[in-house]
Amino acid sequence: MKNIDRRQWLKSVGLVSTMAFLNPAELISKHHTTNSGYLSKNNLISLTSNENPYGPSQKVRKAITASFDHTCRYPFVYLKELVKNIAEKEGVSENCIVVTGGSTEGLKASGLTYGLGGREIIAADPTFQAMLRYAENFGAYVHRVPVNDKMEHDLEEMAMRVTSKTGLIFLCNPNNPTGTLLDKDKLRDFCNSLESKAVIFSDEAYYDYITDPDYPSMVELVKEGKNVIVSKTFSKVYGLAGIRIGYLVARPDIATRLKSNVMAMTNVLAIAAANEALKDDEFYKFSISKNYEGKALIYKTLDKLKLSYIESHTNFVFFQSNKHIDELSAEMLNEGVAIGRPFPPMYDWARISTGTIEEVAGFCQAIEKVYS
């Protein structure tokens, strides 16, 4: 799906009218098959990892099945078509694309590339840790800058941490676990002012859930030749978390350098799935609409319980639990619901993913019982 298509769609339908536009009842029957989504064998509702329980789409499943005949082959030949399709989607040349085994591999490869040799990385706290912990394992020093009182990246403080040792600045936007989105003008100014001093990494795993149709991807800065890397994934809106495929977008010289640290790469099945997912606009829109519906139900319940939360630009909600996360997690498990892990130092906050509507309803029932 090209970005222009996404923008036109968001402008034309809006999130409220999306529900009627897509006829969710009909689409659920098409997309939510006998696969039980998050439900495990013991019927535990697991809303912990920000997955899309409706995926893969039926079209993607057929593409995966058809690709089994090619699993005796190495993926290199098949990768060319996917790189071409991603480059077209992002509006960049093919030599700007690095396909990875999930976006996590792209984060780790970047942390390794720009964190070795006594280099330092700057990141918000809390944020997604995959890159940071991996880089630390190889000797990098990570400056963790606490988020501000709005739970947003403190860009001013992050800028103050930049020194001659800084190799990379990590921005998870929208941020995981807070769900916050940076002001687009401040973000662009931040990147433009610092990209000559350090590489800026923009993790856009949740970009598709942003409701502002004019919110820019930092791929726009890559097109301008800036020292910016953008990561994207097929794990979220496309529902392919279990098959592990994502990609990086960067200036050709940076992309070439990153490729040398990509180890797992991906596989023929994932490539076939990703290629088909990019074409399946109906499932893309369906996933976004069901996520919106799930979040609305969570908000309604948290309002009823008078629990504060942050309006999210992702497929999860971060809310203030008013009790230690370990205590709440245990209580929710007793009710058959697993919620997000602790995000220190915010031990009185909890993250809940949007599962199916039935699973979200189960969460709402359970948390009302816990707080009754």
Protein backbone atom coordinates (compact mmCIF):
# COMPACT_ATOMS: atom_id res chain seq x y z
CA MET A 1 0.00 0.00 0.00
CA LYS A 2 1.55 3.33 -0.99
CA ASN A 3 1.64 6.14 1.55
CA ILE A 4 -0.48 8.35 -0.71
CA ASP A 5 -3.19 5.67 -0.65
CA ARG A 6 -3.12 5.59 3.14
CA ARG A 7 -3.40 9.36 3.37
CA GLN A 8 -6.22 9.56 0.87
CA TRP A 9 -8.08 6.82 2.69
CA LEU A 10 -7.73 8.45 6.11
CA LYS A 11 -8.88 11.77 4.71
CA SER A 12 -11.83 10.29 2.84
CA VAL A 13 -13.35 8.11 5.56
CA GLY A 14 -12.00 9.24 8.94
CA LEU A 15 -11.78 6.74 11.78
CA VAL A 16 -15.38 7.06 12.94
CA SER A 17 -16.90 6.57 9.51
CA THR A 18 -14.40 3.79 8.80
CA MET A 19 -16.47 1.39 10.82
CA ALA A 20 -19.52 1.75 8.59
CA PHE A 21 -17.42 2.01 5.43
CA LEU A 22 -15.77 -1.36 5.96
CA ASN A 23 -18.83 -3.34 7.18
CA PRO A 24 -16.85 -4.96 10.04
CA ALA A 25 -19.32 -7.79 10.67
CA GLU A 26 -18.82 -9.07 7.13
CA LEU A 27 -15.06 -8.58 7.21
CA ILE A 28 -14.63 -10.35 10.54
CA SER A 29 -16.14 -13.48 9.03
CA LYS A 30 -13.67 -13.18 6.16
CA HIS A 31 -10.56 -12.47 8.17
CA HIS A 32 -11.06 -14.02 11.61
CA THR A 33 -10.99 -17.74 10.86
CA THR A 34 -10.81 -20.76 13.12
CA ASN A 35 -7.43 -19.46 14.27
CA SER A 36 -8.20 -18.47 17.85
CA GLY A 37 -6.03 -15.36 17.80
CA TYR A 38 -4.54 -14.76 21.22
CA LEU A 39 -6.38 -17.57 22.98
CA SER A 40 -4.07 -20.33 24.15
CA LYS A 41 -4.99 -23.92 24.92
CA ASN A 42 -6.02 -22.99 28.45
CA ASN A 43 -8.15 -20.10 27.12
CA LEU A 44 -5.82 -17.45 28.51
CA ILE A 45 -6.43 -14.09 26.85
CA SER A 46 -2.90 -12.83 26.15
CA LEU A 47 -2.82 -9.10 25.39
CA THR A 48 0.89 -8.63 26.01
CA SER A 49 2.83 -8.18 22.78
CA ASN A 50 0.96 -5.71 20.53
CA GLU A 51 0.13 -8.32 17.90
CA ASN A 52 -2.65 -8.22 15.32
CA PRO A 53 -4.86 -11.25 16.13
CA TYR A 54 -6.73 -11.08 12.81
CA GLY A 55 -3.74 -11.78 10.62
CA PRO A 56 -2.44 -13.03 8.34
CA SER A 57 -5.20 -12.24 5.88
CA GLN A 58 -6.70 -15.02 3.79
CA LYS A 59 -4.88 -13.75 0.69
CA VAL A 60 -1.57 -13.83 2.54
CA ARG A 61 -2.21 -17.33 3.83
CA LYS A 62 -2.79 -18.56 0.29
CA ALA A 63 0.44 -16.88 -0.83
CA ILE A 64 2.35 -18.58 2.00
CA THR A 65 0.94 -21.98 1.09
CA ALA A 66 1.76 -21.49 -2.59
CA SER A 67 5.35 -20.54 -1.73
CA PHE A 68 6.12 -23.88 -0.05
CA ASP A 69 7.30 -25.24 -3.38
CA HIS A 70 10.11 -22.68 -3.26
CA THR A 71 11.32 -23.37 0.28
CA CYS A 72 14.08 -25.61 -1.09
CA ARG A 73 15.64 -22.46 -2.55
CA TYR A 74 17.60 -19.70 -0.87
CA PRO A 75 15.59 -16.48 -0.57
CA PHE A 76 17.93 -14.14 -2.46
CA VAL A 77 16.21 -14.34 -5.85
CA TYR A 78 12.73 -13.95 -4.35
CA LEU A 79 13.88 -11.00 -2.27
CA LYS A 80 14.37 -8.80 -5.33
CA GLU A 81 10.64 -8.47 -6.00
CA LEU A 82 9.91 -7.54 -2.39
CA VAL A 83 12.66 -4.92 -2.34
CA LYS A 84 11.20 -3.46 -5.53
CA ASN A 85 7.70 -3.35 -4.03
CA ILE A 86 8.86 -1.81 -0.75
CA ALA A 87 10.93 0.80 -2.57
CA GLU A 88 7.88 1.73 -4.65
CA LYS A 89 5.73 1.96 -1.53
CA GLU A 90 8.23 4.23 0.23
CA GLY A 91 9.13 6.28 -2.83
CA VAL A 92 12.86 5.55 -2.68
CA SER A 93 15.39 3.68 -4.80
CA GLU A 94 15.85 -0.04 -4.24
CA ASN A 95 19.35 0.43 -2.85
CA CYS A 96 17.80 2.28 0.10
CA ILE A 97 16.01 -0.87 1.34
CA VAL A 98 17.37 -3.44 3.80
CA VAL A 99 15.02 -6.38 4.44
CA THR A 100 15.42 -7.95 7.88
CA GLY A 101 14.07 -10.79 9.99
CA GLY A 102 11.48 -8.58 11.66
CA SER A 103 12.22 -4.94 12.40
CA THR A 104 13.95 -6.09 15.60
CA GLU A 105 16.84 -7.44 13.56
CA GLY A 106 17.10 -4.07 11.84
CA LEU A 107 17.26 -2.35 15.22
CA LYS A 108 19.94 -4.70 16.46
CA ALA A 109 22.00 -4.37 13.28
CA SER A 110 21.85 -0.59 13.60
CA GLY A 111 22.79 -0.67 17.27
CA LEU A 112 25.76 -2.85 16.42
CA THR A 113 26.80 -0.66 13.49
CA TYR A 114 26.69 2.63 15.38
CA GLY A 115 27.30 1.53 18.96
CA LEU A 116 30.68 -0.22 18.78
CA GLY A 117 34.08 1.25 19.49
CA GLY A 118 33.13 3.31 22.51
CA ARG A 119 30.22 4.99 20.75
CA GLU A 120 27.10 6.09 22.60
CA ILE A 121 23.37 5.89 21.89
CA ILE A 122 20.70 8.30 23.14
CA ALA A 123 17.13 7.11 23.70
CA ALA A 124 13.97 7.91 25.63
CA ASP A 125 13.04 6.03 28.80
CA PRO A 126 10.86 4.04 28.72
CA THR A 127 11.00 2.95 25.09
CA PHE A 128 11.48 -0.22 23.04
CA GLN A 129 14.66 -1.86 24.30
CA ALA A 130 15.76 -4.32 21.61
CA MET A 131 18.39 -2.08 20.03
CA LEU A 132 19.60 -0.62 23.30
CA ARG A 133 20.18 -3.85 25.18
CA TYR A 134 21.82 -5.49 22.18
CA ALA A 135 24.22 -2.56 21.74
CA GLU A 136 25.03 -2.56 25.46
CA ASN A 137 25.97 -6.24 25.21
CA PHE A 138 28.67 -5.21 22.75
CA GLY A 139 30.01 -2.36 24.85
CA ALA A 140 27.96 0.65 23.78
CA TYR A 141 26.85 3.17 26.38
CA VAL A 142 23.18 4.14 26.28
CA HIS A 143 21.93 7.50 27.59
CA ARG A 144 18.37 6.85 28.71
CA VAL A 145 16.49 10.14 28.92
CA PRO A 146 13.23 10.05 30.94
CA VAL A 147 10.11 10.99 29.00
CA ASN A 148 8.51 14.33 29.93
CA ASP A 149 5.33 14.89 31.91
CA LYS A 150 3.27 14.20 28.77
CA MET A 151 4.99 10.82 28.40
CA GLU A 152 6.68 12.09 25.23
CA HIS A 153 10.33 12.00 24.19
CA ASP A 154 12.12 14.91 25.89
CA LEU A 155 13.78 16.14 22.70
CA GLU A 156 15.47 19.11 24.35
CA GLU A 157 17.16 16.94 26.97
CA MET A 158 18.08 14.33 24.38
CA ALA A 159 19.73 17.01 22.25
CA MET A 160 21.78 18.12 25.25
CA ARG A 161 23.23 14.61 25.61
CA VAL A 162 24.80 14.66 22.13
CA THR A 163 28.60 14.67 22.17
CA SER A 164 31.41 13.67 19.82
CA LYS A 165 30.93 10.10 21.07
CA THR A 166 27.28 9.90 20.03
CA GLY A 167 26.82 7.37 17.26
CA LEU A 168 23.06 7.16 17.09
CA ILE A 169 19.88 8.76 18.47
CA PHE A 170 16.97 6.33 18.78
CA LEU A 171 13.40 7.60 18.39
CA CYS A 172 10.50 5.17 18.74
CA ASN A 173 7.61 7.13 17.26
CA PRO A 174 4.84 6.38 18.13
CA ASN A 175 6.56 5.26 21.29
CA ASN A 176 6.32 1.83 22.88
CA PRO A 177 5.09 1.53 25.64
CA THR A 178 3.57 5.00 26.09
CA GLY A 179 1.75 5.21 22.73
CA THR A 180 2.63 8.90 22.37
CA LEU A 181 3.38 10.67 19.11
CA LEU A 182 5.89 13.49 18.70
CA ASP A 183 4.80 16.83 17.27
CA LYS A 184 5.67 16.50 13.60
CA ASP A 185 7.28 19.94 13.29
CA LYS A 186 9.40 19.48 16.42
CA LEU A 187 10.42 16.04 15.22
CA ARG A 188 11.55 17.30 11.84
CA ASP A 189 13.44 20.23 13.42
CA PHE A 190 15.12 17.84 15.86
CA CYS A 191 16.26 15.52 13.08
CA ASN A 192 17.45 18.33 10.84
CA SER A 193 19.44 19.99 13.62
CA LEU A 194 21.21 16.83 14.80
CA GLU A 195 21.59 14.52 11.80
CA SER A 196 24.99 16.01 10.99
CA LYS A 197 26.21 15.08 14.50
CA ALA A 198 24.76 11.58 14.81
CA VAL A 199 22.61 9.15 12.86
CA ILE A 200 18.92 9.48 13.71
CA PHE A 201 17.01 6.18 13.93
CA SER A 202 13.21 6.45 13.61
CA ASP A 203 11.40 3.28 14.66
CA GLU A 204 8.02 3.47 12.90
CA ALA A 205 6.61 0.05 13.78
CA TYR A 206 3.26 1.67 14.65
CA TYR A 207 3.21 4.33 11.94
CA ASP A 208 0.17 2.80 10.21
CA TYR A 209 -1.99 3.44 13.28
CA ILE A 210 -1.40 7.22 13.26
CA THR A 211 -4.73 8.89 12.47
CA ASP A 212 -3.30 12.18 11.19
CA PRO A 213 -3.24 11.62 7.40
CA ASP A 214 -0.56 14.30 6.98
CA TYR A 215 1.83 12.97 9.62
CA PRO A 216 5.15 12.45 7.82
CA SER A 217 7.31 9.37 7.91
CA MET A 218 10.96 10.21 8.43
CA VAL A 219 11.52 8.44 5.12
CA GLU A 220 11.02 11.95 3.76
CA LEU A 221 14.37 12.89 5.33
CA VAL A 222 16.03 9.82 3.83
CA LYS A 223 14.90 11.10 0.44
CA GLU A 224 16.66 14.38 1.24
CA GLY A 225 19.91 12.51 1.83
CA LYS A 226 19.97 12.99 5.60
CA ASN A 227 21.68 10.71 8.12
CA VAL A 228 18.42 9.03 9.02
CA ILE A 229 17.40 5.37 9.26
CA VAL A 230 13.74 4.34 9.37
CA SER A 231 12.53 0.92 10.45
CA LYS A 232 9.16 -0.57 9.54
CA THR A 233 7.58 -3.95 10.13
CA PHE A 234 5.03 -6.41 8.80
CA SER A 235 4.37 -7.62 12.36
CA LYS A 236 1.69 -5.12 13.37
CA VAL A 237 -0.99 -3.93 10.96
CA TYR A 238 -0.27 -6.77 8.51
CA GLY A 239 -0.48 -9.45 11.22
CA LEU A 240 2.82 -11.23 10.43
CA ALA A 241 4.59 -11.12 13.81
CA GLY A 242 5.19 -14.87 13.83
CA ILE A 243 6.85 -15.02 10.44
CA ARG A 244 9.51 -12.34 11.14
CA ILE A 245 9.96 -9.79 8.38
CA GLY A 246 10.61 -6.06 8.43
CA TYR A 247 12.83 -3.54 6.71
CA LEU A 248 15.03 -0.47 7.03
CA VAL A 249 15.02 2.58 4.78
CA ALA A 250 18.25 4.57 4.62
CA ARG A 251 20.55 6.45 2.27
CA PRO A 252 22.32 3.93 -0.02
CA ASP A 253 25.72 4.20 1.68
CA ILE A 254 24.13 3.71 5.10
CA ALA A 255 22.01 0.82 3.83
CA THR A 256 25.11 -0.92 2.48
CA ARG A 257 26.83 -0.57 5.83
CA LEU A 258 23.80 -1.94 7.68
CA LYS A 259 23.54 -4.99 5.42
CA SER A 260 26.92 -6.19 6.68
CA ASN A 261 25.44 -6.59 10.17
CA VAL A 262 22.17 -8.25 9.16
CA MET A 263 22.52 -11.91 10.15
CA ALA A 264 19.21 -13.80 10.11
CA MET A 265 17.73 -12.01 7.09
CA THR A 266 14.37 -13.56 6.18
CA ASN A 267 12.91 -16.54 4.32
CA VAL A 268 10.89 -17.49 1.26
CA LEU A 269 7.60 -17.87 3.15
CA ALA A 270 7.94 -14.46 4.78
CA ILE A 271 8.84 -12.82 1.48
CA ALA A 272 5.74 -14.26 -0.19
CA ALA A 273 3.60 -13.14 2.77
CA ALA A 274 4.99 -9.61 2.72
CA ASN A 275 4.55 -9.21 -1.02
CA GLU A 276 0.90 -10.20 -0.80
CA ALA A 277 0.29 -8.14 2.35
CA LEU A 278 1.38 -4.98 0.55
CA LYS A 279 -1.36 -5.56 -2.01
CA ASP A 280 -4.15 -6.46 0.41
CA ASP A 281 -5.67 -3.03 1.06
CA GLU A 282 -8.92 -4.50 2.37
CA PHE A 283 -7.20 -6.31 5.24
CA TYR A 284 -5.03 -3.28 5.97
CA LYS A 285 -8.11 -1.08 6.45
CA PHE A 286 -9.91 -3.80 8.37
CA SER A 287 -7.01 -4.13 10.84
CA ILE A 288 -6.93 -0.39 11.51
CA SER A 289 -10.69 -0.18 12.00
CA LYS A 290 -10.78 -3.11 14.45
CA ASN A 291 -7.88 -1.62 16.38
CA TYR A 292 -9.78 1.67 16.67
CA GLU A 293 -12.86 -0.17 17.91
CA GLY A 294 -10.84 -2.12 20.47
CA LYS A 295 -9.15 0.99 21.84
CA ALA A 296 -12.51 2.75 22.15
CA LEU A 297 -13.80 -0.12 24.28
CA ILE A 298 -10.69 0.00 26.48
CA TYR A 299 -11.01 3.77 26.91
CA LYS A 300 -14.65 3.43 27.91
CA THR A 301 -13.80 0.88 30.58
CA LEU A 302 -10.86 2.85 31.97
CA ASP A 303 -13.03 5.97 32.13
CA LYS A 304 -15.62 3.99 34.08
CA LEU A 305 -12.94 2.87 36.53
CA LYS A 306 -11.46 6.39 36.69
CA LEU A 307 -8.04 5.08 35.64
CA SER A 308 -5.91 7.60 33.75
CA TYR A 309 -4.54 6.63 30.35
CA ILE A 310 -2.74 8.09 27.36
CA GLU A 311 -4.67 8.30 24.11
CA SER A 312 -2.70 5.99 21.90
CA HIS A 313 -1.41 6.22 18.34
CA THR A 314 -0.68 2.48 18.35
CA ASN A 315 -2.42 -0.85 18.86
CA PHE A 316 -2.11 -0.75 22.65
CA VAL A 317 -3.08 1.52 25.56
CA PHE A 318 -0.81 2.61 28.42
CA PHE A 319 -2.80 3.31 31.58
CA GLN A 320 -2.08 4.20 35.20
CA SER A 321 -2.97 1.21 37.32
CA ASN A 322 -2.70 2.88 40.75
CA LYS A 323 -1.10 -0.33 41.99
CA HIS A 324 2.19 -2.11 41.29
CA ILE A 325 2.21 -3.79 37.89
CA ASP A 326 3.24 -7.12 39.43
CA GLU A 327 0.18 -7.06 41.68
CA LEU A 328 -2.16 -6.12 38.85
CA SER A 329 -0.65 -8.73 36.51
CA ALA A 330 -1.20 -11.47 39.07
CA GLU A 331 -4.79 -10.38 39.68
CA MET A 332 -5.53 -10.25 35.95
CA LEU A 333 -3.97 -13.69 35.41
CA ASN A 334 -6.35 -15.04 38.03
CA GLU A 335 -9.13 -13.74 35.76
CA GLY A 336 -7.61 -15.39 32.70
CA VAL A 337 -6.01 -12.29 31.14
CA ALA A 338 -2.29 -11.61 30.58
CA ILE A 339 -1.24 -7.96 30.25
CA GLY A 340 2.03 -6.22 29.34
CA ARG A 341 5.25 -6.68 31.27
CA PRO A 342 6.69 -4.05 33.66
CA PHE A 343 8.23 -0.92 32.13
CA PRO A 344 10.54 0.45 34.82
CA PRO A 345 10.56 2.89 36.43
CA MET A 346 6.80 3.21 35.79
CA TYR A 347 5.69 0.33 37.96
CA ASP A 348 2.20 1.77 38.47
CA TRP A 349 1.47 1.82 34.74
CA ALA A 350 0.25 -1.05 32.57
CA ARG A 351 0.15 -1.71 28.81
CA ILE A 352 -2.75 -3.54 27.23
CA SER A 353 -2.74 -4.65 23.59
CA THR A 354 -5.85 -4.60 21.43
CA GLY A 355 -6.83 -8.17 20.70
CA THR A 356 -10.00 -9.23 19.00
CA ILE A 357 -13.12 -7.40 20.15
CA GLU A 358 -14.12 -10.51 22.08
CA GLU A 359 -10.74 -10.58 23.83
CA VAL A 360 -10.87 -6.88 24.63
CA ALA A 361 -14.34 -7.41 26.08
CA GLY A 362 -12.87 -10.20 28.22
CA PHE A 363 -10.17 -7.83 29.44
CA CYS A 364 -12.75 -5.16 30.29
CA GLN A 365 -14.84 -7.64 32.26
CA ALA A 366 -11.79 -8.90 34.13
CA ILE A 367 -10.39 -5.49 35.04
CA GLU A 368 -13.78 -4.29 36.26
CA LYS A 369 -13.88 -7.29 38.57
CA VAL A 370 -10.32 -6.63 39.80
CA TYR A 371 -11.09 -3.01 40.63
CA SER A 372 -14.57 -3.62 42.05
